[in-house]
C-alpha cells in the first residue's frame, strides 16, 4: 500500500508530496522520522507558506517580511464573496437557533409532563387524605 510522504530539499524546505511504500514506513517510526534521503513522514500542519523541516518538526521557512509581501499581493474578496460568506454565517446561526429551539421545546414538554404527573400524584394523595379524614371522623380508625 502506498502512502503520501513529504520530500524536502537539503536545507529542509518542502519540495513536493510523494508516494511511499507503507511497508517501508512501518519498519520505522511513521510519525516523524526521515526515511531515506529527504523523505519526511510527518504531516505538514496547515498555515505555512513555505514549510521547512527543522529536524524535529515543521516550521515556517519564510521570514515575516516575506509573508507580509505575499499577503499584500493576495486579492481581497469581492463584495459578492463577502455577502455570500455573511449569508452562510447567518444561515448557520439560524440553524443553531432552530436546534436550540427544538431542544428547549423538548425540555419544556418534559417539564409539562412532570407537572401533570405531580398534579395526578397530588390528586391521588388528596383523595387518600380525604378518605382517611372521613374514616377518622366516623371513628373508624
C-alpha atoms as a PDB file:
ATOM      1  CA  UNK A   1       0.000   0.000   0.000  1.00  0.00           C
ATOM      2  CA  UNK A   2       1.261   3.458  -0.845  1.00  0.00           C
ATOM      3  CA  UNK A   3       1.074   6.452   1.465  1.00  0.00           C
ATOM      4  CA  UNK A   4       1.836  10.110   0.907  1.00  0.00           C
ATOM      5  CA  UNK A   5       5.014  11.469   2.499  1.00  0.00           C
ATOM      6  CA  UNK A   6       6.911  14.731   2.021  1.00  0.00           C
ATOM      7  CA  UNK A   7      10.084  15.280   0.021  1.00  0.00           C
ATOM      8  CA  UNK A   8      12.357  18.057   1.307  1.00  0.00           C
ATOM      9  CA  UNK A   9      15.446  19.833  -0.005  1.00  0.00           C
ATOM     10  CA  UNK A  10      18.882  19.522   1.628  1.00  0.00           C
ATOM     11  CA  UNK A  11      18.052  22.511   3.850  1.00  0.00           C
ATOM     12  CA  UNK A  12      14.685  21.041   4.901  1.00  0.00           C
ATOM     13  CA  UNK A  13      12.328  23.072   2.684  1.00  0.00           C
ATOM     14  CA  UNK A  14       9.278  21.151   1.495  1.00  0.00           C
ATOM     15  CA  UNK A  15       9.509  20.304  -2.196  1.00  0.00           C
ATOM     16  CA  UNK A  16       6.598  18.027  -3.023  1.00  0.00           C
ATOM     17  CA  UNK A  17       4.375  15.262  -1.740  1.00  0.00           C
ATOM     18  CA  UNK A  18       5.461  11.778  -2.889  1.00  0.00           C
ATOM     19  CA  UNK A  19       4.026   8.298  -2.625  1.00  0.00           C
ATOM     20  CA  UNK A  20       5.978   5.859  -0.479  1.00  0.00           C
ATOM     21  CA  UNK A  21       5.605   2.141   0.220  1.00  0.00           C
ATOM     22  CA  UNK A  22       3.774   1.817   3.570  1.00  0.00           C
ATOM     23  CA  UNK A  23       5.632  -1.410   4.431  1.00  0.00           C
ATOM     24  CA  UNK A  24       8.909   0.501   4.483  1.00  0.00           C
ATOM     25  CA  UNK A  25       7.330   3.199   6.643  1.00  0.00           C
ATOM     26  CA  UNK A  26       6.049   0.657   9.210  1.00  0.00           C
ATOM     27  CA  UNK A  27       9.614  -0.507   9.812  1.00  0.00           C
ATOM     28  CA  UNK A  28      10.349   2.953  11.243  1.00  0.00           C
ATOM     29  CA  UNK A  29       8.573   5.433  13.488  1.00  0.00           C
ATOM     30  CA  UNK A  30       5.927   6.503  10.977  1.00  0.00           C
ATOM     31  CA  UNK A  31       5.182   9.802  12.724  1.00  0.00           C
ATOM     32  CA  UNK A  32       8.269  11.950  12.451  1.00  0.00           C
ATOM     33  CA  UNK A  33      11.252  10.127  11.032  1.00  0.00           C
ATOM     34  CA  UNK A  34      13.290  10.765   7.932  1.00  0.00           C
ATOM     35  CA  UNK A  35      13.119   7.804   5.556  1.00  0.00           C
ATOM     36  CA  UNK A  36      15.961   7.599   3.133  1.00  0.00           C
ATOM     37  CA  UNK A  37      17.195  10.816   1.614  1.00  0.00           C
ATOM     38  CA  UNK A  38      14.980  13.817   2.242  1.00  0.00           C
ATOM     39  CA  UNK A  39      11.691  11.996   2.888  1.00  0.00           C
ATOM     40  CA  UNK A  40       9.669  13.016   5.962  1.00  0.00           C
ATOM     41  CA  UNK A  41       6.552  11.133   7.090  1.00  0.00           C
ATOM     42  CA  UNK A  42       5.278  13.818   9.485  1.00  0.00           C
ATOM     43  CA  UNK A  43       2.242  15.576   8.020  1.00  0.00           C
ATOM     44  CA  UNK A  44       2.575  19.298   7.406  1.00  0.00           C
ATOM     45  CA  UNK A  45       0.230  21.385   9.602  1.00  0.00           C
ATOM     46  CA  UNK A  46      -1.927  23.925   7.806  1.00  0.00           C
ATOM     47  CA  UNK A  47      -0.998  27.581   7.702  1.00  0.00           C
ATOM     48  CA  UNK A  48       2.591  27.507   6.481  1.00  0.00           C
ATOM     49  CA  UNK A  49       3.548  29.483   3.379  1.00  0.00           C
ATOM     50  CA  UNK A  50       6.788  27.538   2.923  1.00  0.00           C
ATOM     51  CA  UNK A  51       7.008  24.548   5.293  1.00  0.00           C
ATOM     52  CA  UNK A  52      10.501  23.663   6.449  1.00  0.00           C
ATOM     53  CA  UNK A  53      11.567  20.578   8.430  1.00  0.00           C
ATOM     54  CA  UNK A  54      13.974  21.581  11.226  1.00  0.00           C
ATOM     55  CA  UNK A  55      14.850  18.016  12.195  1.00  0.00           C
ATOM     56  CA  UNK A  56      12.082  17.727  14.796  1.00  0.00           C
ATOM     57  CA  UNK A  57       9.047  19.486  13.398  1.00  0.00           C
ATOM     58  CA  UNK A  58       7.660  21.625  10.587  1.00  0.00           C
ATOM     59  CA  UNK A  59       8.348  25.353  10.907  1.00  0.00           C
ATOM     60  CA  UNK A  60       7.709  28.370   8.702  1.00  0.00           C
ATOM     61  CA  UNK A  61      10.517  28.733   6.159  1.00  0.00           C
ATOM     62  CA  UNK A  62       9.787  32.353   5.242  1.00  0.00           C
ATOM     63  CA  UNK A  63      10.528  35.487   7.210  1.00  0.00           C
ATOM     64  CA  UNK A  64       7.663  37.643   8.456  1.00  0.00           C
ATOM     65  CA  UNK A  65       8.574  40.262   5.848  1.00  0.00           C
ATOM     66  CA  UNK A  66       8.273  37.672   3.060  1.00  0.00           C
ATOM     67  CA  UNK A  67       4.916  36.525   4.442  1.00  0.00           C
ATOM     68  CA  UNK A  68       3.681  40.124   4.620  1.00  0.00           C
ATOM     69  CA  UNK A  69       4.709  40.665   0.982  1.00  0.00           C
ATOM     70  CA  UNK A  70       2.764  37.576  -0.114  1.00  0.00           C
ATOM     71  CA  UNK A  71      -0.274  38.620   1.917  1.00  0.00           C
ATOM     72  CA  UNK A  72      -0.213  42.111   0.421  1.00  0.00           C
ATOM     73  CA  UNK A  73      -0.429  40.598  -3.067  1.00  0.00           C
ATOM     74  CA  UNK A  74      -3.397  38.408  -2.230  1.00  0.00           C
ATOM     75  CA  UNK A  75      -6.602  39.540  -3.903  1.00  0.00           C
ATOM     76  CA  UNK A  76      -9.162  40.710  -1.365  1.00  0.00           C
ATOM     77  CA  UNK A  77     -12.560  39.040  -1.564  1.00  0.00           C
ATOM     78  CA  UNK A  78     -15.160  40.708  -3.740  1.00  0.00           C
ATOM     79  CA  UNK A  79     -18.242  42.313  -2.251  1.00  0.00           C
ATOM     80  CA  UNK A  80     -20.305  39.405  -3.570  1.00  0.00           C
ATOM     81  CA  UNK A  81     -17.983  36.884  -1.861  1.00  0.00           C
ATOM     82  CA  UNK A  82     -18.220  38.814   1.394  1.00  0.00           C
ATOM     83  CA  UNK A  83     -22.025  38.915   1.190  1.00  0.00           C
ATOM     84  CA  UNK A  84     -22.071  35.204   0.348  1.00  0.00           C
ATOM     85  CA  UNK A  85     -19.920  34.413   3.391  1.00  0.00           C
ATOM     86  CA  UNK A  86     -22.157  36.566   5.589  1.00  0.00           C
ATOM     87  CA  UNK A  87     -25.219  34.713   4.267  1.00  0.00           C
ATOM     88  CA  UNK A  88     -23.608  31.352   5.072  1.00  0.00           C
ATOM     89  CA  UNK A  89     -22.755  32.556   8.579  1.00  0.00           C
ATOM     90  CA  UNK A  90     -26.335  33.822   9.094  1.00  0.00           C
ATOM     91  CA  UNK A  91     -27.769  30.533   7.835  1.00  0.00           C
ATOM     92  CA  UNK A  92     -25.531  28.574  10.222  1.00  0.00           C
ATOM     93  CA  UNK A  93     -26.580  30.856  13.073  1.00  0.00           C
ATOM     94  CA  UNK A  94     -30.249  30.363  12.134  1.00  0.00           C
ATOM     95  CA  UNK A  95     -29.774  26.576  12.065  1.00  0.00           C
ATOM     96  CA  UNK A  96     -28.137  26.683  15.527  1.00  0.00           C
ATOM     97  CA  UNK A  97     -31.060  28.734  16.827  1.00  0.00           C
ATOM     98  CA  UNK A  98     -33.531  26.234  15.361  1.00  0.00           C
ATOM     99  CA  UNK A  99     -31.705  23.370  17.036  1.00  0.00           C
ATOM    100  CA  UNK A 100     -31.600  25.246  20.352  1.00  0.00           C
ATOM    101  CA  UNK A 101     -35.319  25.991  19.996  1.00  0.00           C
ATOM    102  CA  UNK A 102     -36.099  22.305  19.402  1.00  0.00           C
ATOM    103  CA  UNK A 103     -34.068  21.299  22.457  1.00  0.00           C
ATOM    104  CA  UNK A 104     -35.829  23.903  24.600  1.00  0.00           C
ATOM    105  CA  UNK A 105     -39.214  22.715  23.287  1.00  0.00           C
ATOM    106  CA  UNK A 106     -38.368  19.147  24.238  1.00  0.00           C
ATOM    107  CA  UNK A 107     -37.259  20.253  27.699  1.00  0.00           C
ATOM    108  CA  UNK A 108     -40.466  22.260  28.124  1.00  0.00           C
ATOM    109  CA  UNK A 109     -42.602  19.294  27.072  1.00  0.00           C
ATOM    110  CA  UNK A 110     -40.737  17.087  29.566  1.00  0.00           C
ATOM    111  CA  UNK A 111     -41.363  19.608  32.351  1.00  0.00           C
ATOM    112  CA  UNK A 112     -45.059  19.811  31.395  1.00  0.00           C
ATOM    113  CA  UNK A 113     -45.306  16.028  31.674  1.00  0.00           C
ATOM    114  CA  UNK A 114     -43.601  16.136  35.059  1.00  0.00           C
ATOM    115  CA  UNK A 115     -46.091  18.784  36.252  1.00  0.00           C
ATOM    116  CA  UNK A 116     -49.046  16.695  35.036  1.00  0.00           C
ATOM    117  CA  UNK A 117     -47.635  13.652  36.854  1.00  0.00           C
ATOM    118  CA  UNK A 118     -47.160  15.682  40.041  1.00  0.00           C
ATOM    119  CA  UNK A 119     -50.716  17.013  39.758  1.00  0.00           C
ATOM    120  CA  UNK A 120     -52.035  13.450  39.358  1.00  0.00           C
ATOM    121  CA  UNK A 121     -49.973  12.321  42.346  1.00  0.00           C
ATOM    122  CA  UNK A 122     -51.283  15.292  44.352  1.00  0.00           C
ATOM    123  CA  UNK A 123     -54.868  14.443  43.399  1.00  0.00           C
ATOM    124  CA  UNK A 124     -54.422  10.805  44.479  1.00  0.00           C
ATOM    125  CA  UNK A 125     -52.856  11.892  47.768  1.00  0.00           C
ATOM    126  CA  UNK A 126     -55.676  14.376  48.330  1.00  0.00           C
ATOM    127  CA  UNK A 127     -58.257  11.637  47.830  1.00  0.00           C
ATOM    128  CA  UNK A 128     -56.384   9.366  50.238  1.00  0.00           C
ATOM    129  CA  UNK A 129     -56.274  12.106  52.872  1.00  0.00           C
ATOM    130  CA  UNK A 130     -59.980  12.826  52.388  1.00  0.00           C
ATOM    131  CA  UNK A 131     -60.759   9.131  52.817  1.00  0.00           C
ATOM    132  CA  UNK A 132     -58.669   8.943  55.955  1.00  0.00           C
ATOM    133  CA  UNK A 133     -60.288  12.068  57.381  1.00  0.00           C
ATOM    134  CA  UNK A 134     -63.769  10.603  56.772  1.00  0.00           C
ATOM    135  CA  UNK A 135     -62.839   7.358  58.477  1.00  0.00           C
ATOM    136  CA  UNK A 136     -61.384   9.289  61.400  1.00  0.00           C
ATOM    137  CA  UNK A 137     -64.478  11.424  61.766  1.00  0.00           C
ATOM    138  CA  UNK A 138     -66.661   8.318  61.734  1.00  0.00           C
ATOM    139  CA  UNK A 139     -64.474   6.748  64.386  1.00  0.00           C
ATOM    140  CA  UNK A 140     -63.392   4.018  62.077  1.00  0.00           C
ATOM    141  CA  UNK A 141     -59.722   4.083  62.995  1.00  0.00           C
END
